[in-house]
Amino acid sequence: MRSSEKRKRVLRSLVTRSFSALPHSVRKKIPRDITVVFVSLSVSRALNQKYRRQNMPTNVLSFVYDDCAEIFIAPAVVRVE
């Protein structure tokens, strides 16, 4: 199995277990479609500047829309933390 496939499987398992652990009242409020995007430091900084007015990279940014959500993760920041 390739490394990227293994990471996807581990991430999917983690998300599934985390979601299952939530109470039903919380689960029904979570958007059906969630996109996870891994970004570079420069993209993280640009998003953080645009939406939070902070000129520095951040670990995670999330955006929720009507029926979907996007989560942007900067692995380089997460590793440091």
Protein backbone atom coordinates (compact mmCIF):
# COMPACT_ATOMS: atom_id res chain seq x y z
CA MET A 1 0.00 0.00 0.00
CA ARG A 2 1.33 3.43 -0.91
CA SER A 3 2.04 5.94 1.81
CA SER A 4 -0.57 8.43 0.58
CA GLU A 5 -3.25 5.73 0.52
CA LYS A 6 -2.35 4.69 4.04
CA ARG A 7 -2.58 8.30 5.27
CA LYS A 8 -5.99 8.68 3.65
CA ARG A 9 -7.20 5.47 5.29
CA VAL A 10 -5.91 6.55 8.70
CA LEU A 11 -7.47 10.01 8.35
CA ARG A 12 -10.81 8.56 7.23
CA SER A 13 -10.79 6.17 10.19
CA LEU A 14 -9.98 8.97 12.63
CA VAL A 15 -12.76 11.19 11.27
CA THR A 16 -15.27 8.32 11.31
CA ARG A 17 -14.46 7.37 14.90
CA SER A 18 -14.54 11.01 16.03
CA PHE A 19 -17.88 11.60 14.33
CA SER A 20 -19.36 8.43 15.83
CA ALA A 21 -18.34 9.55 19.31
CA LEU A 22 -20.44 12.74 19.06
CA PRO A 23 -23.96 12.84 20.49
CA HIS A 24 -26.71 12.54 17.85
CA SER A 25 -27.90 16.10 18.56
CA VAL A 26 -24.48 17.39 17.49
CA ARG A 27 -24.02 14.99 14.56
CA LYS A 28 -27.19 16.12 12.82
CA LYS A 29 -25.88 19.72 12.75
CA ILE A 30 -22.60 18.84 11.03
CA PRO A 31 -22.54 19.51 7.27
CA ARG A 32 -22.87 16.41 5.12
CA ASP A 33 -19.91 17.24 2.90
CA ILE A 34 -16.62 18.24 4.50
CA THR A 35 -13.55 18.96 2.41
CA VAL A 36 -10.13 18.84 4.05
CA VAL A 37 -7.38 20.76 2.25
CA PHE A 38 -3.71 20.63 3.23
CA VAL A 39 -2.04 23.96 2.46
CA SER A 40 1.43 25.49 2.48
CA LEU A 41 2.57 28.14 4.93
CA SER A 42 2.10 30.88 2.33
CA VAL A 43 -1.47 29.83 1.56
CA SER A 44 -2.25 29.52 5.27
CA ARG A 45 -0.87 33.02 5.84
CA ALA A 46 -2.88 34.47 2.92
CA LEU A 47 -6.13 32.88 4.13
CA ASN A 48 -5.48 33.97 7.71
CA GLN A 49 -4.77 37.54 6.54
CA LYS A 50 -7.87 37.67 4.36
CA TYR A 51 -10.37 36.20 6.82
CA ARG A 52 -8.91 36.94 10.26
CA ARG A 53 -6.69 39.95 9.50
CA GLN A 54 -3.66 38.23 11.03
CA ASN A 55 -0.53 38.26 8.91
CA MET A 56 0.85 34.89 9.99
CA PRO A 57 0.19 31.28 9.10
CA THR A 58 -2.24 29.36 11.28
CA ASN A 59 -2.72 25.67 11.96
CA VAL A 60 -6.37 25.27 10.93
CA LEU A 61 -9.06 27.44 9.36
CA SER A 62 -12.59 26.20 8.83
CA PHE A 63 -15.49 27.58 6.86
CA VAL A 64 -19.07 26.31 7.11
CA TYR A 65 -21.60 26.95 4.37
CA ASP A 66 -25.24 25.84 4.10
CA ASP A 67 -24.66 22.13 3.55
CA CYS A 68 -20.89 21.75 3.35
CA ALA A 69 -17.69 22.80 5.09
CA GLU A 70 -14.03 23.31 4.23
CA ILE A 71 -11.16 22.75 6.63
CA PHE A 72 -7.72 24.11 5.69
CA ILE A 73 -4.80 22.57 7.57
CA ALA A 74 -1.18 23.76 7.42
CA PRO A 75 0.86 20.64 8.31
CA ALA A 76 4.04 22.65 8.90
CA VAL A 77 2.32 24.69 11.63
CA VAL A 78 0.65 21.62 13.15
CA ARG A 79 4.02 19.82 13.34
CA VAL A 80 5.54 22.72 15.31
CA GLU A 81 2.62 22.82 17.72
